Amino acid sequence: MNIKVLGGGCRKCETLLANTKEAVKNTGVEAEVEYITDFAVIAGYGIMSMPAIIVDEKIVSMGKVLNSSEIEKLLK
């Protein structure tokens, strides 16, 4: 599984990244978590509101800072 957290490097984006890593650890899924801050790459996904999460190239969350339990539900 490939998970990408997209954001501009702000506190909310950093929080979402930490929550995503915690959710991966809690669920035990084998996943690579990437943090993407390059706005050209982010625009390529059509993201209009950050932070965002992409799982296996599918946008699953945009514009929200999900907590780890909410992310765990997305990963199952």
C-alpha atoms as a PDB file:
ATOM      1  CA  MET A   1       0.000   0.000   0.000  1.00  0.00           C
ATOM      2  CA  ASN A   2       1.254   3.476  -0.828  1.00  0.00           C
ATOM      3  CA  ILE A   3       0.002   6.424   1.210  1.00  0.00           C
ATOM      4  CA  LYS A   4       0.772  10.017   0.329  1.00  0.00           C
ATOM      5  CA  VAL A   5       0.127  12.932   2.647  1.00  0.00           C
ATOM      6  CA  LEU A   6       0.025  16.146   0.638  1.00  0.00           C
ATOM      7  CA  GLY A   7       0.521  19.523   2.244  1.00  0.00           C
ATOM      8  CA  GLY A   8       2.464  22.719   2.355  1.00  0.00           C
ATOM      9  CA  GLY A   9       4.485  21.951   5.454  1.00  0.00           C
ATOM     10  CA  CYS A  10       2.185  23.726   7.895  1.00  0.00           C
ATOM     11  CA  ARG A  11       1.284  22.496  11.378  1.00  0.00           C
ATOM     12  CA  LYS A  12      -1.985  20.916  10.158  1.00  0.00           C
ATOM     13  CA  CYS A  13      -0.160  19.007   7.444  1.00  0.00           C
ATOM     14  CA  GLU A  14       2.488  17.806   9.893  1.00  0.00           C
ATOM     15  CA  THR A  15      -0.274  16.672  12.277  1.00  0.00           C
ATOM     16  CA  LEU A  16      -1.982  14.710   9.502  1.00  0.00           C
ATOM     17  CA  LEU A  17       1.324  13.057   8.610  1.00  0.00           C
ATOM     18  CA  ALA A  18       1.882  12.014  12.237  1.00  0.00           C
ATOM     19  CA  ASN A  19      -1.701  10.730  12.527  1.00  0.00           C
ATOM     20  CA  THR A  20      -1.282   8.759   9.292  1.00  0.00           C
ATOM     21  CA  LYS A  21       1.913   7.105  10.522  1.00  0.00           C
ATOM     22  CA  GLU A  22       0.191   6.232  13.809  1.00  0.00           C
ATOM     23  CA  ALA A  23      -2.789   4.727  11.957  1.00  0.00           C
ATOM     24  CA  VAL A  24      -0.489   2.577   9.816  1.00  0.00           C
ATOM     25  CA  LYS A  25       1.277   1.356  12.947  1.00  0.00           C
ATOM     26  CA  ASN A  26      -2.024   0.650  14.746  1.00  0.00           C
ATOM     27  CA  THR A  27      -3.568  -1.293  11.850  1.00  0.00           C
ATOM     28  CA  GLY A  28      -0.435  -3.257  11.066  1.00  0.00           C
ATOM     29  CA  VAL A  29      -0.872  -2.781   7.320  1.00  0.00           C
ATOM     30  CA  GLU A  30       2.253  -2.818   5.228  1.00  0.00           C
ATOM     31  CA  ALA A  31       2.425   0.670   3.795  1.00  0.00           C
ATOM     32  CA  GLU A  32       4.894   3.244   2.591  1.00  0.00           C
ATOM     33  CA  VAL A  33       4.002   6.747   3.808  1.00  0.00           C
ATOM     34  CA  GLU A  34       5.242   9.673   1.732  1.00  0.00           C
ATOM     35  CA  TYR A  35       5.009  13.355   2.566  1.00  0.00           C
ATOM     36  CA  ILE A  36       4.684  15.545  -0.514  1.00  0.00           C
ATOM     37  CA  THR A  37       5.086  19.320  -0.272  1.00  0.00           C
ATOM     38  CA  ASP A  38       5.866  20.072  -3.932  1.00  0.00           C
ATOM     39  CA  PHE A  39       2.955  22.210  -5.137  1.00  0.00           C
ATOM     40  CA  ALA A  40       3.438  21.110  -8.769  1.00  0.00           C
ATOM     41  CA  VAL A  41       2.971  17.469  -7.739  1.00  0.00           C
ATOM     42  CA  ILE A  42       0.014  18.367  -5.515  1.00  0.00           C
ATOM     43  CA  ALA A  43      -1.642  20.294  -8.354  1.00  0.00           C
ATOM     44  CA  GLY A  44      -1.143  17.274 -10.601  1.00  0.00           C
ATOM     45  CA  TYR A  45      -3.500  15.322  -8.352  1.00  0.00           C
ATOM     46  CA  GLY A  46      -6.135  18.063  -8.615  1.00  0.00           C
ATOM     47  CA  ILE A  47      -5.965  18.826  -4.905  1.00  0.00           C
ATOM     48  CA  MET A  48      -7.623  22.169  -4.151  1.00  0.00           C
ATOM     49  CA  SER A  49      -7.680  21.988  -0.366  1.00  0.00           C
ATOM     50  CA  MET A  50      -4.864  20.756   1.842  1.00  0.00           C
ATOM     51  CA  PRO A  51      -3.915  18.683   3.674  1.00  0.00           C
ATOM     52  CA  ALA A  52      -4.915  15.612   1.700  1.00  0.00           C
ATOM     53  CA  ILE A  53      -4.372  11.860   1.817  1.00  0.00           C
ATOM     54  CA  ILE A  54      -3.982   9.644  -1.229  1.00  0.00           C
ATOM     55  CA  VAL A  55      -4.067   5.860  -0.822  1.00  0.00           C
ATOM     56  CA  ASP A  56      -2.867   3.836  -3.810  1.00  0.00           C
ATOM     57  CA  GLU A  57      -3.330   6.868  -6.096  1.00  0.00           C
ATOM     58  CA  LYS A  58      -6.937   7.503  -4.932  1.00  0.00           C
ATOM     59  CA  ILE A  59      -7.822  10.690  -3.034  1.00  0.00           C
ATOM     60  CA  VAL A  60      -9.486   9.609   0.222  1.00  0.00           C
ATOM     61  CA  SER A  61      -9.422  12.871   2.183  1.00  0.00           C
ATOM     62  CA  MET A  62      -8.984  16.528   1.318  1.00  0.00           C
ATOM     63  CA  GLY A  63      -9.037  19.672   3.443  1.00  0.00           C
ATOM     64  CA  LYS A  64      -9.310  17.910   6.806  1.00  0.00           C
ATOM     65  CA  VAL A  65      -6.951  16.904   9.581  1.00  0.00           C
ATOM     66  CA  LEU A  66      -8.204  13.413  10.340  1.00  0.00           C
ATOM     67  CA  ASN A  67      -7.312  11.735  13.614  1.00  0.00           C
ATOM     68  CA  SER A  68      -5.618   8.354  13.588  1.00  0.00           C
ATOM     69  CA  SER A  69      -8.830   6.369  14.172  1.00  0.00           C
ATOM     70  CA  GLU A  70     -10.505   8.049  11.183  1.00  0.00           C
ATOM     71  CA  ILE A  71      -7.486   7.191   9.028  1.00  0.00           C
ATOM     72  CA  GLU A  72      -7.512   3.605  10.297  1.00  0.00           C
ATOM     73  CA  LYS A  73     -11.068   3.229   8.919  1.00  0.00           C
ATOM     74  CA  LEU A  74      -9.851   4.430   5.505  1.00  0.00           C
ATOM     75  CA  LEU A  75      -7.046   1.866   5.500  1.00  0.00           C
ATOM     76  CA  LYS A  76      -9.209  -1.158   6.288  1.00  0.00           C
END
